[in-house]
Amino acid sequence: MAKTFQVDVVSPEATVWSGRATIMIARTPEGELGIMADHEPLMATCATGPIEIEAESGERTTIGVHGGFLQVLDNQVTLITDRAEVAKSHAEAKETAQRLAAEDAEASDDA
């Protein structure tokens, strides 16, 4: 059985996803980042787009995020983002992230 680590995806409105995972794939401005148990400590900026989490049960979850920050420390990953939504597929997560970014841009234009 693969070693697990804790993942928490948090937005101002709610904890979007929390649980034990065997792998997490996030996107940064520099490219994709795969995280597994015992990963070196890290802080990174997240790019707008989908992240993927494989839970301890084997279930895969895809979440569309609008930017944010990621911290890896002591087998705990915390992703803090302005906006995030669980999606049914990778393509849907990508569309969701783009929609969230567009909504934020529109809101800042109105301000």
C-alpha atoms as a PDB file:
ATOM      1  CA  MET A   1       0.000   0.000   0.000  1.00  0.00           C
ATOM      2  CA  ALA A   2       1.282   3.450  -0.935  1.00  0.00           C
ATOM      3  CA  LYS A   3       2.254   5.859   1.813  1.00  0.00           C
ATOM      4  CA  THR A   4      -0.197   8.726   2.286  1.00  0.00           C
ATOM      5  CA  PHE A   5      -0.097  12.361   3.307  1.00  0.00           C
ATOM      6  CA  GLN A   6      -2.696  14.934   4.376  1.00  0.00           C
ATOM      7  CA  VAL A   7      -4.099  17.353   1.772  1.00  0.00           C
ATOM      8  CA  ASP A   8      -6.242  20.404   2.512  1.00  0.00           C
ATOM      9  CA  VAL A   9      -7.574  22.635  -0.283  1.00  0.00           C
ATOM     10  CA  VAL A  10      -8.980  25.767   1.319  1.00  0.00           C
ATOM     11  CA  SER A  11     -10.781  28.828  -0.031  1.00  0.00           C
ATOM     12  CA  PRO A  12     -12.252  31.732   1.965  1.00  0.00           C
ATOM     13  CA  GLU A  13     -15.717  30.172   1.671  1.00  0.00           C
ATOM     14  CA  ALA A  14     -14.908  26.607   2.743  1.00  0.00           C
ATOM     15  CA  THR A  15     -12.555  23.684   2.857  1.00  0.00           C
ATOM     16  CA  VAL A  16     -13.009  22.395  -0.691  1.00  0.00           C
ATOM     17  CA  TRP A  17     -11.248  19.049  -0.149  1.00  0.00           C
ATOM     18  CA  SER A  18      -9.548  17.472   2.844  1.00  0.00           C
ATOM     19  CA  GLY A  19      -8.221  13.970   3.331  1.00  0.00           C
ATOM     20  CA  ARG A  20      -5.383  11.489   2.934  1.00  0.00           C
ATOM     21  CA  ALA A  21      -3.851  11.182  -0.529  1.00  0.00           C
ATOM     22  CA  THR A  22      -1.238   9.080  -2.296  1.00  0.00           C
ATOM     23  CA  ILE A  23      -0.432  11.711  -4.954  1.00  0.00           C
ATOM     24  CA  MET A  24      -1.347  15.283  -5.819  1.00  0.00           C
ATOM     25  CA  ILE A  25      -0.591  17.049  -9.080  1.00  0.00           C
ATOM     26  CA  ALA A  26      -0.698  20.841  -9.060  1.00  0.00           C
ATOM     27  CA  ARG A  27       0.218  23.409 -11.663  1.00  0.00           C
ATOM     28  CA  THR A  28       2.652  26.232 -11.014  1.00  0.00           C
ATOM     29  CA  PRO A  29       3.767  29.006 -13.370  1.00  0.00           C
ATOM     30  CA  GLU A  30       6.876  26.870 -14.013  1.00  0.00           C
ATOM     31  CA  GLY A  31       4.937  23.667 -14.838  1.00  0.00           C
ATOM     32  CA  GLU A  32       3.332  20.649 -13.196  1.00  0.00           C
ATOM     33  CA  LEU A  33       4.365  19.551  -9.729  1.00  0.00           C
ATOM     34  CA  GLY A  34       3.763  16.009  -8.474  1.00  0.00           C
ATOM     35  CA  ILE A  35       3.678  15.542  -4.715  1.00  0.00           C
ATOM     36  CA  MET A  36       3.859  12.224  -2.876  1.00  0.00           C
ATOM     37  CA  ALA A  37       4.503  11.282   0.753  1.00  0.00           C
ATOM     38  CA  ASP A  38       7.836  12.445   2.208  1.00  0.00           C
ATOM     39  CA  HIS A  39       8.179  15.265  -0.354  1.00  0.00           C
ATOM     40  CA  GLU A  40      10.773  17.887   0.506  1.00  0.00           C
ATOM     41  CA  PRO A  41       9.426  21.051   2.182  1.00  0.00           C
ATOM     42  CA  LEU A  42       8.223  23.470  -0.460  1.00  0.00           C
ATOM     43  CA  MET A  43       6.257  26.664  -1.010  1.00  0.00           C
ATOM     44  CA  ALA A  44       4.955  27.444  -4.488  1.00  0.00           C
ATOM     45  CA  THR A  45       2.549  29.678  -6.353  1.00  0.00           C
ATOM     46  CA  CYS A  46      -0.295  27.796  -8.026  1.00  0.00           C
ATOM     47  CA  ALA A  47      -1.347  28.615 -11.560  1.00  0.00           C
ATOM     48  CA  THR A  48      -5.008  28.905 -12.470  1.00  0.00           C
ATOM     49  CA  GLY A  49      -6.153  25.503 -13.677  1.00  0.00           C
ATOM     50  CA  PRO A  50      -6.950  22.000 -12.503  1.00  0.00           C
ATOM     51  CA  ILE A  51      -5.280  20.123  -9.661  1.00  0.00           C
ATOM     52  CA  GLU A  52      -5.634  16.388  -9.266  1.00  0.00           C
ATOM     53  CA  ILE A  53      -5.703  14.376  -6.055  1.00  0.00           C
ATOM     54  CA  GLU A  54      -5.683  10.612  -5.713  1.00  0.00           C
ATOM     55  CA  ALA A  55      -7.226   9.781  -2.350  1.00  0.00           C
ATOM     56  CA  GLU A  56      -6.103   6.941  -0.120  1.00  0.00           C
ATOM     57  CA  SER A  57      -9.153   4.987  -1.387  1.00  0.00           C
ATOM     58  CA  GLY A  58      -7.933   5.301  -4.995  1.00  0.00           C
ATOM     59  CA  GLU A  59     -10.674   7.769  -5.944  1.00  0.00           C
ATOM     60  CA  ARG A  60      -9.442  10.645  -8.104  1.00  0.00           C
ATOM     61  CA  THR A  61     -10.696  14.181  -7.536  1.00  0.00           C
ATOM     62  CA  THR A  62     -10.091  17.100  -9.876  1.00  0.00           C
ATOM     63  CA  ILE A  63     -10.487  20.648  -8.603  1.00  0.00           C
ATOM     64  CA  GLY A  64     -10.436  23.849 -10.633  1.00  0.00           C
ATOM     65  CA  VAL A  65      -8.510  26.537  -8.750  1.00  0.00           C
ATOM     66  CA  HIS A  66      -7.966  30.205  -9.455  1.00  0.00           C
ATOM     67  CA  GLY A  67      -4.344  30.652  -8.408  1.00  0.00           C
ATOM     68  CA  GLY A  68      -3.179  30.431  -4.837  1.00  0.00           C
ATOM     69  CA  PHE A  69      -0.296  29.164  -2.759  1.00  0.00           C
ATOM     70  CA  LEU A  70       0.841  25.653  -1.914  1.00  0.00           C
ATOM     71  CA  GLN A  71       2.860  24.554   1.110  1.00  0.00           C
ATOM     72  CA  VAL A  72       4.364  21.096   1.632  1.00  0.00           C
ATOM     73  CA  LEU A  73       5.668  20.385   5.124  1.00  0.00           C
ATOM     74  CA  ASP A  74       5.869  17.214   7.223  1.00  0.00           C
ATOM     75  CA  ASN A  75       3.593  15.098   4.981  1.00  0.00           C
ATOM     76  CA  GLN A  76       0.952  17.822   4.917  1.00  0.00           C
ATOM     77  CA  VAL A  77      -0.019  19.790   1.801  1.00  0.00           C
ATOM     78  CA  THR A  78      -2.038  22.953   2.225  1.00  0.00           C
ATOM     79  CA  LEU A  79      -3.311  24.759  -0.864  1.00  0.00           C
ATOM     80  CA  ILE A  80      -4.852  28.152  -0.175  1.00  0.00           C
ATOM     81  CA  THR A  81      -6.759  29.702  -3.060  1.00  0.00           C
ATOM     82  CA  ASP A  82      -9.190  32.552  -3.622  1.00  0.00           C
ATOM     83  CA  ARG A  83     -11.658  30.292  -5.423  1.00  0.00           C
ATOM     84  CA  ALA A  84     -11.985  26.575  -6.082  1.00  0.00           C
ATOM     85  CA  GLU A  85     -14.625  24.091  -7.198  1.00  0.00           C
ATOM     86  CA  VAL A  86     -14.624  20.301  -7.414  1.00  0.00           C
ATOM     87  CA  ALA A  87     -15.117  19.191 -11.033  1.00  0.00           C
ATOM     88  CA  LYS A  88     -16.282  15.968 -12.670  1.00  0.00           C
ATOM     89  CA  SER A  89     -13.352  15.802 -15.105  1.00  0.00           C
ATOM     90  CA  HIS A  90     -10.007  17.359 -15.969  1.00  0.00           C
ATOM     91  CA  ALA A  91     -11.602  19.310 -18.833  1.00  0.00           C
ATOM     92  CA  GLU A  92     -14.387  20.586 -16.578  1.00  0.00           C
ATOM     93  CA  ALA A  93     -11.822  21.648 -13.955  1.00  0.00           C
ATOM     94  CA  LYS A  94      -9.914  23.599 -16.588  1.00  0.00           C
ATOM     95  CA  GLU A  95     -13.122  25.337 -17.705  1.00  0.00           C
ATOM     96  CA  THR A  96     -14.072  26.014 -14.083  1.00  0.00           C
ATOM     97  CA  ALA A  97     -10.697  27.598 -13.338  1.00  0.00           C
ATOM     98  CA  GLN A  98     -10.950  29.797 -16.437  1.00  0.00           C
ATOM     99  CA  ARG A  99     -14.490  30.839 -15.482  1.00  0.00           C
ATOM    100  CA  LEU A 100     -13.365  31.710 -11.939  1.00  0.00           C
ATOM    101  CA  ALA A 101     -10.502  33.804 -13.330  1.00  0.00           C
ATOM    102  CA  ALA A 102     -12.868  35.613 -15.722  1.00  0.00           C
ATOM    103  CA  GLU A 103     -15.362  36.318 -12.930  1.00  0.00           C
ATOM    104  CA  ASP A 104     -12.584  37.768 -10.760  1.00  0.00           C
ATOM    105  CA  ALA A 105     -11.330  39.917 -13.644  1.00  0.00           C
ATOM    106  CA  GLU A 106     -14.868  41.187 -14.288  1.00  0.00           C
ATOM    107  CA  ALA A 107     -15.372  41.970 -10.598  1.00  0.00           C
ATOM    108  CA  SER A 108     -12.116  43.958 -10.443  1.00  0.00           C
ATOM    109  CA  ASP A 109     -13.084  45.877 -13.611  1.00  0.00           C
ATOM    110  CA  ASP A 110     -16.373  46.853 -11.966  1.00  0.00           C
ATOM    111  CA  ALA A 111     -14.588  48.141  -8.859  1.00  0.00           C
END
